[in-house]
């Protein structure tokens, strides 16, 4: 099943939270959903899940609005707020409560506890959980109905390095099973290693809708990274050849306008020493910052709510 978002518009008072938001999430892929604070990510997810109503546009899951899905939690699993639980209950009892609402038994609860890496912590009260453990519990809840679609808002928050590595592999494995995974995150380094596709948003609309590799490739451009102990000499030689040269530190330069082989030829012919000449590969964070430079943050007057579809309100 796929997610289709088409022309969503939503206003809170005089502020446009969504301004024609349009994108899709395909089966078998992890789609990163990124943008500055206030760009419309959370509002979009809430509209898709039927928690908020758009002024215009459609949000469909497998061609159907969330509110018209039969057994919706067997179609879509969501984690929007890791705090949306009853802290006096154990993790297992929290999941049993949700499972009962879906017509599922204790066996499925125990399966998702293991899947989410909770293990023996499943019988501890949720009030004693760290944010990272609550994230795992939220993942377990999202998986209860074994849904083909997953929507996760900032699932890396609160995880230690081991937990982050686990989350990367886990999300990749879910997509490999043919599920559609929509993942919102501010951690570009984690998305670079996890997402297949990226939807970048700002001011309530889509700025870019492309694969991670294509986005990084476009941001990398024709820049060359040069390491040399003769920085001034190298800058002089390359500038005379028409290149644009910028110093990164005492021994590192970036060169634009010349391919790596020409940089090597020019420096070698001028007797300028160097230890590295390589095509620059941008990080996802660099590509994201370039794209969102003009996407100024705005604050929608959206009420803060913690209800999840089929879940229990936070208390």
Protein backbone atom coordinates (compact mmCIF):
# COMPACT_ATOMS: atom_id res chain seq x y z
CA UNK A 1 0.00 0.00 0.00
CA UNK A 2 1.16 3.51 -0.76
CA UNK A 3 0.52 6.93 0.76
CA UNK A 4 -0.72 9.66 -1.58
CA UNK A 5 -0.83 13.29 -0.49
CA UNK A 6 -2.34 15.63 -3.06
CA UNK A 7 -2.81 19.39 -2.78
CA UNK A 8 -3.25 19.60 0.99
CA UNK A 9 -4.04 23.06 2.33
CA UNK A 10 -4.57 23.87 5.99
CA UNK A 11 -4.76 27.17 7.84
CA UNK A 12 -4.67 27.95 11.53
CA UNK A 13 -6.13 31.41 11.82
CA UNK A 14 -4.14 33.61 9.48
CA UNK A 15 -1.26 31.17 9.12
CA UNK A 16 -0.97 28.68 6.24
CA UNK A 17 0.38 25.45 7.74
CA UNK A 18 -0.01 23.53 4.46
CA UNK A 19 0.06 25.21 1.07
CA UNK A 20 -0.55 22.59 -1.61
CA UNK A 21 1.47 19.76 -0.02
CA UNK A 22 1.84 16.99 -2.60
CA UNK A 23 3.97 13.81 -2.56
CA UNK A 24 3.79 10.02 -2.45
CA UNK A 25 5.35 7.24 -0.39
CA UNK A 26 6.09 4.07 -2.32
CA UNK A 27 6.09 0.45 -1.23
CA UNK A 28 9.44 -1.06 -0.31
CA UNK A 29 11.09 2.28 0.48
CA UNK A 30 11.97 4.37 3.50
CA UNK A 31 10.92 7.91 2.60
CA UNK A 32 12.51 10.64 4.68
CA UNK A 33 10.21 13.58 5.42
CA UNK A 34 12.29 16.62 6.37
CA UNK A 35 12.08 20.37 6.70
CA UNK A 36 12.58 23.23 9.17
CA UNK A 37 10.42 23.53 12.27
CA UNK A 38 7.00 24.76 11.23
CA UNK A 39 7.36 23.47 7.66
CA UNK A 40 4.19 21.36 7.90
CA UNK A 41 5.53 17.85 8.57
CA UNK A 42 3.52 17.06 11.70
CA UNK A 43 0.39 18.68 10.31
CA UNK A 44 0.66 16.57 7.16
CA UNK A 45 1.04 13.37 9.18
CA UNK A 46 -1.96 14.26 11.33
CA UNK A 47 -4.09 14.91 8.24
CA UNK A 48 -3.04 11.59 6.69
CA UNK A 49 -4.03 9.81 9.92
CA UNK A 50 -7.37 11.59 10.19
CA UNK A 51 -6.44 13.49 13.34
CA UNK A 52 -6.82 16.84 11.60
CA UNK A 53 -8.95 17.79 8.62
CA UNK A 54 -7.47 19.60 5.64
CA UNK A 55 -9.19 22.64 4.19
CA UNK A 56 -8.45 21.33 0.70
CA UNK A 57 -6.80 18.32 -0.93
CA UNK A 58 -6.71 14.58 -0.28
CA UNK A 59 -4.61 12.18 1.77
CA UNK A 60 -5.03 8.52 0.83
CA UNK A 61 -3.61 5.23 2.08
CA UNK A 62 -3.91 2.53 -0.54
CA UNK A 63 -6.36 4.79 -2.38
CA UNK A 64 -8.63 5.27 0.66
CA UNK A 65 -8.87 8.03 3.30
CA UNK A 66 -7.78 6.83 6.73
CA UNK A 67 -11.26 7.35 8.19
CA UNK A 68 -12.76 4.91 5.67
CA UNK A 69 -10.22 2.11 6.10
CA UNK A 70 -11.52 -1.17 7.50
CA UNK A 71 -9.33 -2.28 10.43
CA UNK A 72 -7.13 0.81 9.97
CA UNK A 73 -4.45 -0.27 12.45
CA UNK A 74 -3.91 -3.38 10.36
CA UNK A 75 -3.22 -1.05 7.44
CA UNK A 76 -1.26 1.78 9.08
CA UNK A 77 1.00 1.87 12.12
CA UNK A 78 1.96 5.28 13.51
CA UNK A 79 4.32 6.75 16.09
CA UNK A 80 3.73 10.48 16.49
CA UNK A 81 4.45 10.94 20.18
CA UNK A 82 6.43 8.51 22.34
CA UNK A 83 4.80 10.02 25.45
CA UNK A 84 1.29 8.92 24.38
CA UNK A 85 0.91 6.13 26.92
CA UNK A 86 -0.33 5.44 30.43
CA UNK A 87 2.83 5.53 32.57
CA UNK A 88 1.40 3.45 35.41
CA UNK A 89 1.04 0.43 33.13
CA UNK A 90 3.80 -1.92 32.17
CA UNK A 91 4.91 -1.83 28.55
CA UNK A 92 3.32 -5.23 27.96
CA UNK A 93 0.00 -4.20 29.52
CA UNK A 94 -0.01 -1.03 27.42
CA UNK A 95 0.40 -3.16 24.31
CA UNK A 96 -2.20 -5.69 25.51
CA UNK A 97 -4.71 -2.84 25.85
CA UNK A 98 -4.02 -1.74 22.27
CA UNK A 99 -4.04 -5.33 20.98
CA UNK A 100 -7.43 -5.99 22.54
CA UNK A 101 -8.84 -2.97 20.71
CA UNK A 102 -7.63 -4.52 17.44
CA UNK A 103 -8.81 -8.05 18.14
CA UNK A 104 -5.26 -9.30 18.63
CA UNK A 105 -3.98 -11.64 21.30
CA UNK A 106 -1.10 -11.78 23.76
CA UNK A 107 1.03 -13.79 21.36
CA UNK A 108 1.23 -10.84 18.95
CA UNK A 109 2.13 -8.53 21.84
CA UNK A 110 5.07 -10.74 22.79
CA UNK A 111 6.18 -10.84 19.15
CA UNK A 112 6.35 -7.06 18.78
CA UNK A 113 8.07 -6.70 22.17
CA UNK A 114 10.88 -8.85 20.80
CA UNK A 115 10.85 -7.09 17.43
CA UNK A 116 11.26 -3.71 19.10
CA UNK A 117 14.12 -4.93 21.28
CA UNK A 118 12.28 -4.43 24.57
CA UNK A 119 12.93 -7.95 25.88
CA UNK A 120 12.52 -8.26 29.65
CA UNK A 121 11.75 -4.52 29.91
CA UNK A 122 8.28 -5.34 28.63
CA UNK A 123 7.09 -6.03 32.18
CA UNK A 124 8.46 -2.78 33.63
CA UNK A 125 6.26 0.26 34.16
CA UNK A 126 6.51 2.75 31.31
CA UNK A 127 6.99 5.59 33.80
CA UNK A 128 10.55 4.36 34.35
CA UNK A 129 11.41 4.25 30.65
CA UNK A 130 13.94 6.56 29.04
CA UNK A 131 12.89 8.41 25.89
CA UNK A 132 14.74 5.83 23.83
CA UNK A 133 12.82 2.97 25.46
CA UNK A 134 9.55 4.83 24.92
CA UNK A 135 10.46 5.13 21.26
CA UNK A 136 10.88 1.37 21.10
CA UNK A 137 7.53 0.91 22.84
CA UNK A 138 5.93 3.24 20.30
CA UNK A 139 7.45 1.20 17.48
CA UNK A 140 6.06 -1.98 19.04
CA UNK A 141 2.60 -0.40 19.22
CA UNK A 142 2.80 0.69 15.57
CA UNK A 143 3.66 -2.87 14.52
CA UNK A 144 0.85 -4.61 16.43
CA UNK A 145 -1.44 -4.92 13.42
CA UNK A 146 1.46 -5.97 11.12
CA UNK A 147 0.58 -3.03 8.85
CA UNK A 148 1.96 -2.51 5.33
CA UNK A 149 2.32 1.25 6.00
CA UNK A 150 4.27 2.89 8.83
CA UNK A 151 4.45 6.58 9.74
CA UNK A 152 7.07 7.56 12.31
CA UNK A 153 7.77 11.06 13.63
CA UNK A 154 11.33 11.54 14.95
CA UNK A 155 11.92 7.89 15.96
CA UNK A 156 15.67 8.47 16.50
CA UNK A 157 15.07 10.96 19.32
CA UNK A 158 16.46 9.78 22.65
CA UNK A 159 18.28 6.75 21.26
CA UNK A 160 21.86 6.00 22.25
CA UNK A 161 24.39 5.03 19.52
CA UNK A 162 23.48 1.35 19.84
CA UNK A 163 19.79 2.22 19.58
CA UNK A 164 20.37 4.41 16.53
CA UNK A 165 22.25 1.61 14.77
CA UNK A 166 19.42 -0.78 15.64
CA UNK A 167 16.78 1.66 14.37
CA UNK A 168 18.58 2.13 11.04
CA UNK A 169 18.73 -1.61 10.42
CA UNK A 170 15.19 -2.15 11.65
CA UNK A 171 13.64 0.47 9.37
CA UNK A 172 15.61 -0.82 6.41
CA UNK A 173 14.37 -4.34 7.10
CA UNK A 174 10.75 -3.15 7.26
CA UNK A 175 11.06 -1.54 3.82
CA UNK A 176 12.75 -4.69 2.50
CA UNK A 177 9.58 -6.57 3.47
CA UNK A 178 7.68 -4.37 1.02
CA UNK A 179 6.24 -1.90 3.53
CA UNK A 180 5.86 1.82 2.87
CA UNK A 181 7.74 3.75 5.57
CA UNK A 182 7.37 7.52 6.04
CA UNK A 183 10.00 8.79 8.46
CA UNK A 184 10.24 12.34 9.79
CA UNK A 185 13.59 13.29 11.31
CA UNK A 186 15.93 16.23 11.91
CA UNK A 187 18.96 13.90 11.97
CA UNK A 188 20.27 14.08 8.42
CA UNK A 189 23.18 11.75 9.15
CA UNK A 190 20.73 9.01 10.12
CA UNK A 191 18.51 9.57 7.11
CA UNK A 192 21.52 9.44 4.80
CA UNK A 193 22.15 5.87 5.94
CA UNK A 194 18.48 4.86 6.17
CA UNK A 195 16.22 6.58 3.62
CA UNK A 196 15.88 5.62 -0.04
CA UNK A 197 13.83 8.67 -0.98
CA UNK A 198 13.52 12.16 0.45
CA UNK A 199 10.67 14.66 0.55
CA UNK A 200 11.97 18.08 1.62
CA UNK A 201 9.32 20.60 2.68
CA UNK A 202 9.25 24.25 3.66
CA UNK A 203 6.48 26.80 4.23
CA UNK A 204 3.85 24.11 3.84
CA UNK A 205 4.87 22.86 0.41
CA UNK A 206 7.30 20.42 -1.18
CA UNK A 207 10.72 21.82 -2.09
CA UNK A 208 12.25 18.57 -3.38
CA UNK A 209 10.95 15.05 -4.00
CA UNK A 210 13.85 12.86 -5.08
CA UNK A 211 16.11 9.96 -4.20
CA UNK A 212 18.75 10.52 -1.55
CA UNK A 213 21.53 9.67 -4.01
CA UNK A 214 20.27 12.16 -6.61
CA UNK A 215 19.95 14.91 -4.04
CA UNK A 216 23.48 14.38 -2.75
CA UNK A 217 24.80 14.17 -6.31
CA UNK A 218 23.20 17.49 -7.24
CA UNK A 219 24.59 19.16 -4.12
CA UNK A 220 28.07 17.77 -4.75
CA UNK A 221 28.29 19.54 -8.12
CA UNK A 222 31.71 19.74 -9.75
CA UNK A 223 33.61 20.62 -6.60
CA UNK A 224 37.01 19.06 -5.92
CA UNK A 225 38.61 18.65 -2.52
CA UNK A 226 42.34 19.40 -2.43
CA UNK A 227 44.76 18.82 0.44
CA UNK A 228 48.13 20.56 0.20
CA UNK A 229 50.82 22.00 2.47
CA UNK A 230 51.33 24.83 -0.05
CA UNK A 231 47.90 26.39 0.14
CA UNK A 232 48.78 29.84 -1.22
CA UNK A 233 50.73 28.45 -4.18
CA UNK A 234 47.92 26.05 -5.04
CA UNK A 235 45.31 28.80 -4.89
CA UNK A 236 47.39 31.00 -7.19
CA UNK A 237 47.96 28.27 -9.81
CA UNK A 238 44.34 27.15 -9.89
CA UNK A 239 42.87 30.66 -9.88
CA UNK A 240 45.03 31.54 -12.90
CA UNK A 241 43.46 28.55 -14.70
CA UNK A 242 40.00 29.96 -14.08
CA UNK A 243 38.99 27.92 -11.04
CA UNK A 244 37.13 29.23 -8.02
CA UNK A 245 39.11 28.24 -4.95
CA UNK A 246 38.09 28.47 -1.29
CA UNK A 247 40.09 27.59 1.82
CA UNK A 248 38.44 25.22 4.30
CA UNK A 249 41.37 25.01 6.72
CA UNK A 250 45.17 25.41 6.64
CA UNK A 251 45.65 22.43 4.30
CA UNK A 252 42.26 21.89 2.65
CA UNK A 253 40.79 23.72 -0.34
CA UNK A 254 37.65 23.30 -2.42
CA UNK A 255 38.00 23.88 -6.14
CA UNK A 256 35.16 24.62 -8.57
CA UNK A 257 35.42 24.88 -12.33
CA UNK A 258 38.11 22.26 -12.94
CA UNK A 259 37.85 18.44 -12.99
CA UNK A 260 40.18 16.47 -10.67
CA UNK A 261 42.51 15.41 -13.49
CA UNK A 262 43.12 19.04 -14.50
CA UNK A 263 43.83 20.00 -10.89
CA UNK A 264 46.42 17.20 -10.69
CA UNK A 265 47.99 18.25 -14.01
CA UNK A 266 48.24 21.92 -13.10
CA UNK A 267 49.66 21.35 -9.62
CA UNK A 268 52.12 18.73 -10.85
CA UNK A 269 53.29 20.97 -13.68
CA UNK A 270 53.86 23.83 -11.26
CA UNK A 271 55.65 21.73 -8.65
CA UNK A 272 52.98 22.33 -5.99
CA UNK A 273 52.86 19.41 -3.52
CA UNK A 274 49.51 17.81 -2.65
CA UNK A 275 48.36 14.73 -0.77
CA UNK A 276 44.77 14.44 -2.01
CA UNK A 277 42.66 15.46 -4.98
CA UNK A 278 39.17 14.00 -4.97
CA UNK A 279 35.69 14.78 -6.24
CA UNK A 280 33.72 16.38 -3.43
CA UNK A 281 30.75 14.38 -2.16
CA UNK A 282 28.28 16.47 -0.22
CA UNK A 283 26.59 15.13 2.87
CA UNK A 284 22.83 14.95 3.09
CA UNK A 285 23.00 17.70 5.71
CA UNK A 286 24.80 20.01 3.25
CA UNK A 287 22.23 19.26 0.54
CA UNK A 288 19.37 19.86 2.97
CA UNK A 289 20.77 23.16 4.23
CA UNK A 290 21.18 24.43 0.68
CA UNK A 291 17.60 23.50 -0.24
CA UNK A 292 15.97 24.94 2.86
CA UNK A 293 18.01 28.13 3.12
CA UNK A 294 15.01 30.28 2.21
CA UNK A 295 12.39 28.18 4.01
CA UNK A 296 11.98 30.54 6.94
CA UNK A 297 10.40 29.04 10.02
CA UNK A 298 6.89 30.07 10.91
CA UNK A 299 4.83 29.01 13.89
CA UNK A 300 1.34 27.74 13.23
CA UNK A 301 -1.18 28.12 16.00
CA UNK A 302 -1.87 24.39 15.90
CA UNK A 303 -3.11 22.98 19.21
CA UNK A 304 -0.80 20.48 20.85
CA UNK A 305 -2.51 17.10 21.00
CA UNK A 306 -1.26 13.67 21.91
CA UNK A 307 -3.99 11.36 20.66
CA UNK A 308 -2.92 8.57 18.31
CA UNK A 309 -5.26 6.65 16.01
CA UNK A 310 -6.52 3.71 18.05
CA UNK A 311 -4.20 4.59 20.88
CA UNK A 312 -4.63 5.99 24.34
CA UNK A 313 -4.51 9.72 25.10
CA UNK A 314 -1.57 10.87 27.17
CA UNK A 315 -2.51 11.76 30.75
